[in-house]
N, C-alpha and C. Protein backbone atom coordinates (compact mmCIF):
# COMPACT_ATOMS: atom_id res chain seq x y z
N THR A 1 8.90 -1.97 -22.27
CA THR A 1 10.49 -2.80 -22.73
C THR A 1 10.28 -3.54 -23.65
N THR A 2 11.11 -3.45 -24.29
CA THR A 2 11.43 -4.65 -25.25
C THR A 2 12.55 -4.54 -26.09
N GLU A 3 13.30 -5.87 -26.22
CA GLU A 3 14.51 -6.03 -26.71
C GLU A 3 16.01 -5.42 -25.76
N MET A 4 15.38 -5.86 -24.11
CA MET A 4 16.30 -4.68 -23.29
C MET A 4 16.61 -3.62 -23.59
N LYS A 5 15.16 -2.86 -23.75
CA LYS A 5 15.58 -1.33 -24.09
C LYS A 5 13.99 -1.08 -23.18
N TYR A 6 14.05 0.33 -22.51
CA TYR A 6 13.03 0.93 -22.47
C TYR A 6 12.34 1.76 -23.63
N SER A 7 11.11 2.13 -23.81
CA SER A 7 10.98 2.94 -24.56
C SER A 7 11.15 4.72 -24.78
N LYS A 8 11.51 5.13 -23.61
CA LYS A 8 11.47 5.99 -23.19
C LYS A 8 13.11 6.07 -22.26
N ASN A 9 14.41 7.08 -22.63
CA ASN A 9 15.30 6.93 -21.75
C ASN A 9 15.43 8.04 -21.29
N GLU A 10 14.25 9.19 -20.78
CA GLU A 10 14.60 10.37 -20.53
C GLU A 10 13.22 10.77 -19.99
N ILE A 11 12.37 10.99 -19.04
CA ILE A 11 11.24 11.34 -18.91
C ILE A 11 11.45 12.69 -17.69
N ILE A 12 10.61 13.28 -18.57
CA ILE A 12 10.40 14.73 -17.53
C ILE A 12 9.31 14.78 -16.88
N VAL A 13 9.16 15.24 -15.65
CA VAL A 13 7.95 15.88 -14.82
C VAL A 13 8.43 16.99 -13.80
N GLU A 14 6.77 17.50 -13.32
CA GLU A 14 7.11 18.71 -12.95
C GLU A 14 7.16 18.06 -11.18
N LYS A 15 7.55 18.95 -10.89
CA LYS A 15 7.48 18.92 -9.03
C LYS A 15 6.34 18.85 -8.12
N ASP A 16 6.11 17.71 -7.61
CA ASP A 16 4.85 17.50 -6.90
C ASP A 16 3.87 17.60 -7.45
N LYS A 17 3.94 17.28 -8.89
CA LYS A 17 2.73 16.48 -9.65
C LYS A 17 2.75 15.40 -9.73
N PRO A 18 1.46 14.54 -9.92
CA PRO A 18 1.57 12.86 -9.51
C PRO A 18 1.90 12.44 -10.86
N VAL A 19 2.68 11.74 -10.51
CA VAL A 19 2.86 11.28 -11.93
C VAL A 19 2.98 9.73 -11.87
N THR A 20 2.67 9.28 -13.48
CA THR A 20 1.87 7.71 -13.09
C THR A 20 2.88 6.92 -14.09
N ILE A 21 3.75 5.60 -13.57
CA ILE A 21 5.00 5.12 -14.47
C ILE A 21 4.13 4.25 -15.12
N THR A 22 3.81 3.79 -16.20
CA THR A 22 3.41 2.00 -16.88
C THR A 22 4.46 1.77 -17.38
N LEU A 23 4.42 0.76 -16.73
CA LEU A 23 5.70 -0.41 -17.40
C LEU A 23 5.27 -1.47 -17.32
N THR A 24 5.31 -1.74 -19.79
CA THR A 24 4.69 -2.51 -20.41
C THR A 24 6.21 -3.83 -20.36
N ASN A 25 5.97 -5.12 -19.95
CA ASN A 25 7.18 -6.03 -20.32
C ASN A 25 7.15 -6.74 -21.76
N LEU A 26 7.39 -5.90 -22.78
CA LEU A 26 7.38 -7.31 -23.97
C LEU A 26 8.25 -8.41 -24.11
N ASP A 27 9.19 -8.36 -23.25
CA ASP A 27 9.95 -9.19 -23.40
C ASP A 27 9.99 -10.47 -22.71
N ASN A 28 10.49 -11.88 -22.98
CA ASN A 28 10.26 -12.79 -22.07
C ASN A 28 11.11 -13.34 -21.10
N ILE A 29 11.44 -11.89 -20.24
CA ILE A 29 12.42 -12.14 -19.35
C ILE A 29 11.71 -11.18 -18.08
N GLU A 30 12.29 -11.10 -16.95
CA GLU A 30 11.70 -9.96 -15.91
C GLU A 30 12.39 -8.87 -16.13
N HIS A 31 11.64 -7.62 -16.16
CA HIS A 31 12.41 -6.36 -16.23
C HIS A 31 11.67 -5.39 -14.85
N ASP A 32 12.33 -4.70 -14.15
CA ASP A 32 11.75 -3.44 -13.85
C ASP A 32 12.53 -2.26 -13.90
N ILE A 33 11.92 -1.52 -13.33
CA ILE A 33 12.58 0.04 -13.04
C ILE A 33 12.27 0.54 -11.53
N GLU A 34 13.73 1.50 -11.10
CA GLU A 34 14.08 1.56 -10.24
C GLU A 34 15.10 3.01 -10.31
N ILE A 35 14.06 3.83 -9.42
CA ILE A 35 14.40 5.36 -9.17
C ILE A 35 15.03 5.91 -8.09
N ARG A 36 16.46 6.03 -7.17
CA ARG A 36 16.54 5.96 -6.42
C ARG A 36 16.53 7.55 -5.88
N THR A 37 15.59 7.58 -5.17
CA THR A 37 15.73 9.18 -3.79
C THR A 37 14.85 9.22 -3.00
N SER A 38 14.82 10.22 -2.01
CA SER A 38 14.39 10.35 -0.98
C SER A 38 13.24 11.55 -0.30
N SER A 39 13.02 11.92 -1.70
CA SER A 39 12.27 13.13 -1.73
C SER A 39 11.09 12.64 -2.40
N PHE A 40 9.92 11.58 -2.28
CA PHE A 40 8.99 11.46 -3.08
C PHE A 40 7.83 11.45 -1.84
N ASN A 41 6.19 11.07 -2.82
CA ASN A 41 5.19 10.78 -1.69
C ASN A 41 4.44 10.01 -2.77
N MET A 42 3.93 8.64 -2.16
CA MET A 42 3.94 7.22 -2.54
C MET A 42 2.55 8.02 -3.08
N ILE A 43 1.73 7.56 -4.02
CA ILE A 43 0.26 7.75 -3.68
C ILE A 43 -0.29 6.08 -4.31
N LYS A 44 -0.01 5.21 -5.62
CA LYS A 44 -0.01 3.94 -5.35
C LYS A 44 1.20 2.98 -5.54
N GLU A 45 1.44 2.42 -4.51
CA GLU A 45 2.27 1.56 -4.67
C GLU A 45 2.14 0.36 -5.90
N SER A 46 3.14 -0.70 -6.34
CA SER A 46 2.81 -1.32 -7.16
C SER A 46 3.30 -2.64 -6.31
N LYS A 47 2.40 -4.11 -6.71
CA LYS A 47 2.36 -5.31 -5.98
C LYS A 47 3.77 -5.62 -5.80
N HIS A 48 4.30 -5.22 -6.29
CA HIS A 48 5.88 -5.65 -6.04
C HIS A 48 6.65 -5.09 -5.60
N ASN A 49 6.86 -5.17 -4.63
CA ASN A 49 8.29 -4.08 -3.97
C ASN A 49 9.37 -5.03 -3.45
N HIS A 50 10.84 -4.00 -3.09
CA HIS A 50 11.68 -4.48 -2.60
C HIS A 50 11.99 -4.29 -1.18
N GLY A 51 10.94 -4.34 -0.34
CA GLY A 51 10.75 -3.84 1.07
C GLY A 51 10.39 -2.74 1.70
N ALA A 52 11.16 -2.40 2.52
CA ALA A 52 10.80 -1.02 2.77
C ALA A 52 12.13 -0.03 2.69
N ASP A 53 12.88 -0.28 1.96
CA ASP A 53 13.72 0.81 1.49
C ASP A 53 13.06 2.29 1.10
N LYS A 54 13.03 3.32 1.93
CA LYS A 54 12.28 4.88 1.73
C LYS A 54 12.92 5.79 0.61
N ASN A 55 14.23 5.10 0.18
CA ASN A 55 14.82 5.87 -0.80
C ASN A 55 14.59 5.33 -2.41
N LEU A 56 13.75 4.59 -2.47
CA LEU A 56 13.78 4.42 -4.03
C LEU A 56 12.18 4.22 -4.65
N LEU A 57 12.16 4.38 -5.60
CA LEU A 57 10.89 4.00 -6.00
C LEU A 57 11.23 2.85 -7.37
N HIS A 58 10.61 1.76 -6.95
CA HIS A 58 10.71 0.75 -7.66
C HIS A 58 9.22 -0.28 -8.25
N LEU A 59 9.55 -0.39 -9.67
CA LEU A 59 8.14 -0.62 -10.38
C LEU A 59 8.67 -2.14 -11.20
N HIS A 60 8.00 -3.20 -11.14
CA HIS A 60 8.63 -4.76 -11.47
C HIS A 60 7.92 -5.06 -12.56
N ALA A 61 8.08 -5.91 -13.87
CA ALA A 61 7.02 -6.08 -14.43
C ALA A 61 7.49 -7.59 -14.71
N ALA A 62 6.29 -8.95 -14.66
CA ALA A 62 7.08 -10.20 -15.62
C ALA A 62 7.06 -10.08 -17.14
N PRO A 63 7.19 -10.93 -17.44
CA PRO A 63 7.17 -11.39 -19.15
C PRO A 63 5.81 -10.69 -19.44
N ASP A 64 5.38 -10.31 -20.60
CA ASP A 64 4.43 -10.18 -21.32
C ASP A 64 3.35 -10.07 -19.98
N ASN A 65 3.62 -8.72 -19.41
CA ASN A 65 2.89 -7.85 -18.15
C ASN A 65 3.27 -6.51 -17.79
N THR A 66 2.32 -6.17 -17.44
CA THR A 66 2.07 -4.51 -17.50
C THR A 66 1.77 -4.19 -15.79
N GLU A 67 2.40 -3.06 -15.21
CA GLU A 67 2.39 -2.31 -13.91
C GLU A 67 2.49 -1.38 -13.61
N THR A 68 1.62 -0.67 -12.53
CA THR A 68 1.86 0.83 -13.00
C THR A 68 2.00 1.03 -11.47
N LEU A 69 2.67 2.63 -10.89
CA LEU A 69 3.27 3.35 -9.98
C LEU A 69 2.86 4.59 -10.08
N THR A 70 2.40 5.15 -8.96
CA THR A 70 1.87 6.32 -9.10
C THR A 70 2.67 7.59 -7.68
N PHE A 71 3.24 8.26 -8.17
CA PHE A 71 4.12 9.07 -7.00
C PHE A 71 4.34 10.37 -7.60
N SER A 72 4.79 11.73 -6.41
CA SER A 72 5.22 12.50 -6.47
C SER A 72 6.07 12.82 -6.44
N ILE A 73 7.40 13.52 -7.09
CA ILE A 73 8.50 13.73 -6.27
C ILE A 73 8.23 15.14 -5.71
N THR A 74 9.03 15.14 -4.83
CA THR A 74 9.29 16.77 -3.93
C THR A 74 10.39 17.92 -4.15
N GLU A 75 11.22 17.17 -4.93
CA GLU A 75 12.47 17.94 -5.01
C GLU A 75 13.00 18.10 -6.85
N THR A 76 13.43 18.89 -6.70
CA THR A 76 13.71 19.42 -8.48
C THR A 76 14.79 18.44 -8.70
N GLY A 77 15.35 18.02 -9.93
CA GLY A 77 16.67 17.49 -9.67
C GLY A 77 16.42 16.45 -11.53
N VAL A 78 17.94 15.73 -11.09
CA VAL A 78 17.95 14.75 -12.38
C VAL A 78 18.14 13.38 -11.82
N TYR A 79 17.36 12.50 -11.82
CA TYR A 79 17.89 10.83 -10.83
C TYR A 79 17.52 9.71 -11.97
N GLU A 80 18.56 9.55 -11.94
CA GLU A 80 18.87 8.19 -13.05
C GLU A 80 18.10 6.95 -12.57
N PHE A 81 17.68 6.25 -13.51
CA PHE A 81 16.38 5.07 -12.90
C PHE A 81 17.41 3.80 -14.09
N TYR A 82 17.24 2.54 -14.08
CA TYR A 82 17.76 1.91 -14.73
C TYR A 82 17.22 0.06 -14.01
N CYS A 83 17.53 -1.08 -14.87
CA CYS A 83 17.16 -1.87 -14.21
C CYS A 83 17.86 -2.73 -13.32
N THR A 84 17.14 -3.37 -12.19
CA THR A 84 18.21 -4.03 -11.49
C THR A 84 18.12 -5.19 -11.94
N VAL A 85 17.79 -6.06 -12.76
CA VAL A 85 18.02 -7.24 -12.79
C VAL A 85 19.42 -7.76 -13.32
N PRO A 86 20.49 -8.42 -12.88
CA PRO A 86 21.46 -8.21 -12.99
C PRO A 86 21.62 -8.59 -14.38
N GLY A 87 22.73 -7.91 -14.74
CA GLY A 87 23.45 -7.33 -16.39
C GLY A 87 22.74 -6.61 -16.94
N HIS A 88 21.14 -6.10 -16.64
CA HIS A 88 20.41 -5.93 -17.74
C HIS A 88 20.90 -4.26 -17.92
N GLU A 89 20.92 -3.44 -16.35
CA GLU A 89 21.53 -2.00 -17.09
C GLU A 89 23.11 -1.57 -17.47
N GLU A 90 24.25 -2.93 -16.94
CA GLU A 90 24.84 -3.00 -18.07
C GLU A 90 24.86 -2.85 -19.84
N PHE A 91 23.57 -3.49 -19.89
CA PHE A 91 23.17 -3.66 -21.14
C PHE A 91 22.19 -2.75 -21.79
N GLY A 92 22.56 -1.59 -21.35
CA GLY A 92 21.64 -0.33 -21.66
C GLY A 92 20.60 0.03 -20.96
N MET A 93 20.26 -0.64 -20.11
CA MET A 93 18.73 -0.03 -19.43
C MET A 93 18.37 0.85 -18.60
N ILE A 94 18.81 1.99 -18.93
CA ILE A 94 19.07 3.03 -17.90
C ILE A 94 18.73 4.15 -18.80
N GLY A 95 18.25 5.37 -17.98
CA GLY A 95 17.50 6.40 -18.15
C GLY A 95 17.86 7.74 -17.25
N ARG A 96 17.02 8.55 -17.62
CA ARG A 96 16.99 10.13 -16.86
C ARG A 96 16.02 10.10 -16.52
N PHE A 97 15.35 10.67 -15.23
CA PHE A 97 14.12 11.13 -14.79
C PHE A 97 14.41 12.60 -14.25
N ILE A 98 14.04 13.57 -14.92
CA ILE A 98 14.05 14.84 -14.90
C ILE A 98 13.25 15.58 -14.24
N VAL A 99 13.12 16.00 -13.00
CA VAL A 99 11.84 16.90 -12.09
C VAL A 99 12.35 18.41 -12.10
N SER A 100 11.72 19.11 -12.78
CA SER A 100 11.62 20.43 -12.81
C SER A 100 10.29 21.18 -12.34
């Protein structure tokens, strides 16, 4: 992330294949990425998660930090991702996660 934007706003992956998302936050404020889906297998969680919600993937990075999350999606489809920090989604921190 930089200047309230993700470097990619569309990510294409294959169903059931491990995916590692790296969130490098180059801004001086916190950012995260959240994908709402109940059809995933967690391989490696991030250090920061939002509790026991089993219907989302969440990755958070403090300013000038990098975090990773590894998982696989078990159903094809198009899933939106966004930053959950108040105001950031409205500022345009959104994208599509496409699973084929």
